[in-house]
Amino acid sequence: MESEQKFLLERITVNPSIFGGKPIIRGMRFRVIDVLEMVAIGMTKEQILEEHPILQDDDIIACLLYASMIINNTAAVNAA
């Protein structure tokens, strides 16, 4: 795995006390699935960032990378 991918995936964490251990972004109460659903309904990165200023550009990229790795059975997450 490239260092850039590792850096991005460090943004995705799992904390059993937040959303029952679902993958979240940077330890916050913001689920990866929420970002993926916004992308799926056609929101642009700019729209997502404007609507959710707590997010950063790399958070969205990290969510997409994480989803692709899950599908490919190669994902690992950081425990918070």
N, C-alpha and C. Protein backbone atom coordinates (compact mmCIF):
# COMPACT_ATOMS: atom_id res chain seq x y z
N MET A 1 0.85 -1.18 0.00
CA MET A 1 0.00 0.00 0.00
C MET A 1 0.90 1.24 0.00
N GLU A 2 0.54 2.20 -0.79
CA GLU A 2 1.30 3.44 -0.89
C GLU A 2 1.15 4.27 0.38
N SER A 3 2.15 5.11 0.63
CA SER A 3 2.10 5.94 1.84
C SER A 3 0.93 6.92 1.81
N GLU A 4 0.56 7.41 0.61
CA GLU A 4 -0.59 8.32 0.50
C GLU A 4 -1.87 7.60 0.91
N GLN A 5 -2.02 6.35 0.49
CA GLN A 5 -3.20 5.58 0.87
C GLN A 5 -3.22 5.35 2.38
N LYS A 6 -2.08 5.02 2.96
CA LYS A 6 -2.02 4.83 4.41
C LYS A 6 -2.41 6.11 5.14
N PHE A 7 -1.89 7.23 4.65
CA PHE A 7 -2.22 8.53 5.25
C PHE A 7 -3.72 8.77 5.20
N LEU A 8 -4.34 8.51 4.06
CA LEU A 8 -5.78 8.72 3.92
C LEU A 8 -6.56 7.78 4.83
N LEU A 9 -6.16 6.52 4.87
CA LEU A 9 -6.91 5.54 5.68
C LEU A 9 -6.78 5.78 7.17
N GLU A 10 -5.78 6.53 7.60
CA GLU A 10 -5.66 6.89 9.02
C GLU A 10 -6.83 7.78 9.45
N ARG A 11 -7.52 8.38 8.51
CA ARG A 11 -8.68 9.22 8.80
C ARG A 11 -9.91 8.37 9.15
N ILE A 12 -9.90 7.12 8.76
CA ILE A 12 -11.04 6.22 9.01
C ILE A 12 -10.72 5.43 10.28
N THR A 13 -11.60 5.57 11.27
CA THR A 13 -11.39 4.89 12.54
C THR A 13 -12.64 4.13 12.95
N VAL A 14 -12.44 3.27 13.93
CA VAL A 14 -13.55 2.52 14.52
C VAL A 14 -13.45 2.67 16.02
N ASN A 15 -14.56 3.05 16.62
CA ASN A 15 -14.62 3.21 18.07
C ASN A 15 -15.92 2.55 18.52
N PRO A 16 -15.82 1.46 19.29
CA PRO A 16 -17.03 0.75 19.71
C PRO A 16 -18.07 1.62 20.42
N SER A 17 -17.64 2.73 21.02
CA SER A 17 -18.58 3.58 21.74
C SER A 17 -19.23 4.63 20.83
N ILE A 18 -18.82 4.68 19.57
CA ILE A 18 -19.43 5.63 18.63
C ILE A 18 -20.09 4.83 17.51
N PHE A 19 -21.39 4.97 17.37
CA PHE A 19 -22.18 4.28 16.34
C PHE A 19 -21.94 2.78 16.33
N GLY A 20 -21.73 2.22 17.50
CA GLY A 20 -21.58 0.76 17.61
C GLY A 20 -20.40 0.19 16.85
N GLY A 21 -19.37 0.99 16.65
CA GLY A 21 -18.17 0.50 15.98
C GLY A 21 -18.19 0.61 14.47
N LYS A 22 -19.16 1.34 13.93
CA LYS A 22 -19.17 1.57 12.47
C LYS A 22 -18.00 2.47 12.11
N PRO A 23 -17.45 2.34 10.92
CA PRO A 23 -16.34 3.20 10.52
C PRO A 23 -16.75 4.67 10.51
N ILE A 24 -15.90 5.50 11.12
CA ILE A 24 -16.18 6.93 11.23
C ILE A 24 -14.96 7.72 10.73
N ILE A 25 -15.15 9.01 10.60
CA ILE A 25 -14.10 9.88 10.08
C ILE A 25 -13.41 10.60 11.24
N ARG A 26 -12.10 10.41 11.33
CA ARG A 26 -11.25 11.07 12.31
C ARG A 26 -11.79 11.04 13.73
N GLY A 27 -12.40 9.93 14.12
CA GLY A 27 -12.90 9.79 15.48
C GLY A 27 -14.12 10.61 15.80
N MET A 28 -14.67 11.30 14.79
CA MET A 28 -15.84 12.15 15.01
C MET A 28 -17.12 11.33 14.84
N ARG A 29 -18.20 11.92 15.22
CA ARG A 29 -19.51 11.29 15.03
C ARG A 29 -20.01 11.55 13.62
N PHE A 30 -19.21 11.12 12.65
CA PHE A 30 -19.56 11.26 11.24
C PHE A 30 -19.18 9.97 10.56
N ARG A 31 -20.19 9.21 10.15
CA ARG A 31 -19.95 7.88 9.59
C ARG A 31 -19.46 7.94 8.14
N VAL A 32 -18.64 6.98 7.80
CA VAL A 32 -18.17 6.83 6.42
C VAL A 32 -19.35 6.63 5.49
N ILE A 33 -20.31 5.84 5.90
CA ILE A 33 -21.47 5.55 5.05
C ILE A 33 -22.25 6.82 4.70
N ASP A 34 -22.26 7.79 5.61
CA ASP A 34 -22.97 9.05 5.32
C ASP A 34 -22.33 9.77 4.15
N VAL A 35 -21.00 9.81 4.12
CA VAL A 35 -20.30 10.44 3.00
C VAL A 35 -20.55 9.66 1.71
N LEU A 36 -20.46 8.35 1.80
CA LEU A 36 -20.68 7.52 0.61
C LEU A 36 -22.09 7.70 0.05
N GLU A 37 -23.07 7.82 0.91
CA GLU A 37 -24.43 8.03 0.45
C GLU A 37 -24.60 9.39 -0.22
N MET A 38 -23.92 10.40 0.31
CA MET A 38 -24.00 11.72 -0.33
C MET A 38 -23.39 11.68 -1.73
N VAL A 39 -22.28 10.99 -1.86
CA VAL A 39 -21.66 10.84 -3.18
C VAL A 39 -22.60 10.05 -4.10
N ALA A 40 -23.22 9.02 -3.56
CA ALA A 40 -24.10 8.17 -4.37
C ALA A 40 -25.31 8.91 -4.91
N ILE A 41 -25.80 9.91 -4.18
CA ILE A 41 -26.97 10.65 -4.68
C ILE A 41 -26.56 11.80 -5.59
N GLY A 42 -25.25 11.92 -5.83
CA GLY A 42 -24.79 12.89 -6.80
C GLY A 42 -24.23 14.19 -6.27
N MET A 43 -24.06 14.27 -4.95
CA MET A 43 -23.47 15.50 -4.41
C MET A 43 -22.00 15.58 -4.81
N THR A 44 -21.57 16.78 -5.16
CA THR A 44 -20.16 16.98 -5.46
C THR A 44 -19.38 17.13 -4.16
N LYS A 45 -18.07 16.99 -4.29
CA LYS A 45 -17.20 17.18 -3.13
C LYS A 45 -17.42 18.57 -2.53
N GLU A 46 -17.55 19.56 -3.38
CA GLU A 46 -17.76 20.93 -2.93
C GLU A 46 -19.07 21.07 -2.16
N GLN A 47 -20.13 20.44 -2.65
CA GLN A 47 -21.43 20.50 -1.97
C GLN A 47 -21.36 19.83 -0.59
N ILE A 48 -20.69 18.70 -0.53
CA ILE A 48 -20.56 17.99 0.74
C ILE A 48 -19.79 18.84 1.75
N LEU A 49 -18.69 19.42 1.31
CA LEU A 49 -17.88 20.25 2.20
C LEU A 49 -18.61 21.50 2.64
N GLU A 50 -19.41 22.07 1.75
CA GLU A 50 -20.18 23.27 2.11
C GLU A 50 -21.27 22.93 3.12
N GLU A 51 -21.93 21.79 2.93
CA GLU A 51 -23.01 21.39 3.83
C GLU A 51 -22.50 20.87 5.17
N HIS A 52 -21.28 20.33 5.17
CA HIS A 52 -20.70 19.75 6.39
C HIS A 52 -19.28 20.30 6.58
N PRO A 53 -19.17 21.52 7.08
CA PRO A 53 -17.86 22.16 7.19
C PRO A 53 -16.88 21.46 8.12
N ILE A 54 -17.34 20.53 8.92
CA ILE A 54 -16.43 19.76 9.78
C ILE A 54 -15.57 18.81 8.96
N LEU A 55 -16.03 18.47 7.76
CA LEU A 55 -15.28 17.56 6.89
C LEU A 55 -14.20 18.31 6.12
N GLN A 56 -13.20 17.54 5.71
CA GLN A 56 -12.12 18.06 4.87
C GLN A 56 -12.09 17.28 3.57
N ASP A 57 -11.48 17.87 2.57
CA ASP A 57 -11.38 17.25 1.26
C ASP A 57 -10.85 15.81 1.35
N ASP A 58 -9.77 15.62 2.11
CA ASP A 58 -9.19 14.28 2.24
C ASP A 58 -10.11 13.29 2.93
N ASP A 59 -11.05 13.75 3.73
CA ASP A 59 -12.01 12.85 4.37
C ASP A 59 -12.87 12.15 3.31
N ILE A 60 -13.29 12.90 2.32
CA ILE A 60 -14.14 12.33 1.26
C ILE A 60 -13.34 11.33 0.44
N ILE A 61 -12.12 11.70 0.11
CA ILE A 61 -11.26 10.79 -0.65
C ILE A 61 -11.00 9.53 0.17
N ALA A 62 -10.76 9.68 1.46
CA ALA A 62 -10.51 8.54 2.33
C ALA A 62 -11.72 7.59 2.37
N CYS A 63 -12.91 8.15 2.41
CA CYS A 63 -14.12 7.31 2.42
C CYS A 63 -14.24 6.50 1.14
N LEU A 64 -13.95 7.13 0.03
CA LEU A 64 -14.02 6.41 -1.26
C LEU A 64 -12.94 5.33 -1.34
N LEU A 65 -11.74 5.65 -0.88
CA LEU A 65 -10.67 4.65 -0.86
C LEU A 65 -11.04 3.49 0.05
N TYR A 66 -11.56 3.81 1.23
CA TYR A 66 -11.97 2.76 2.18
C TYR A 66 -13.03 1.85 1.56
N ALA A 67 -14.02 2.44 0.91
CA ALA A 67 -15.08 1.65 0.28
C ALA A 67 -14.51 0.74 -0.80
N SER A 68 -13.59 1.25 -1.60
CA SER A 68 -13.00 0.41 -2.65
C SER A 68 -12.20 -0.73 -2.06
N MET A 69 -11.53 -0.48 -0.94
CA MET A 69 -10.75 -1.52 -0.29
C MET A 69 -11.65 -2.56 0.38
N ILE A 70 -12.78 -2.13 0.90
CA ILE A 70 -13.74 -3.08 1.48
C ILE A 70 -14.23 -4.05 0.40
N ILE A 71 -14.58 -3.49 -0.75
CA ILE A 71 -15.06 -4.32 -1.85
C ILE A 71 -13.98 -5.30 -2.31
N ASN A 72 -12.74 -4.86 -2.23
CA ASN A 72 -11.62 -5.70 -2.66
C ASN A 72 -11.08 -6.56 -1.51
N ASN A 73 -11.72 -6.50 -0.35
CA ASN A 73 -11.31 -7.27 0.84
C ASN A 73 -9.89 -6.97 1.27
N THR A 74 -9.48 -5.70 1.19
CA THR A 74 -8.13 -5.32 1.59
C THR A 74 -8.11 -4.21 2.62
N ALA A 75 -9.24 -3.87 3.21
CA ALA A 75 -9.31 -2.72 4.13
C ALA A 75 -8.91 -3.11 5.54
N ALA A 76 -8.29 -2.15 6.20
CA ALA A 76 -8.01 -2.23 7.63
C ALA A 76 -8.27 -0.85 8.20
N VAL A 77 -8.77 -0.78 9.42
CA VAL A 77 -9.05 0.52 10.02
C VAL A 77 -8.30 0.66 11.34
N ASN A 78 -8.19 1.88 11.76
CA ASN A 78 -7.53 2.20 13.02
C ASN A 78 -8.55 2.21 14.15
N ALA A 79 -8.19 1.59 15.25
CA ALA A 79 -9.06 1.65 16.42
C ALA A 79 -8.80 2.95 17.14
N ALA A 80 -9.86 3.61 17.53
CA ALA A 80 -9.72 4.89 18.23
C ALA A 80 -9.68 4.68 19.72
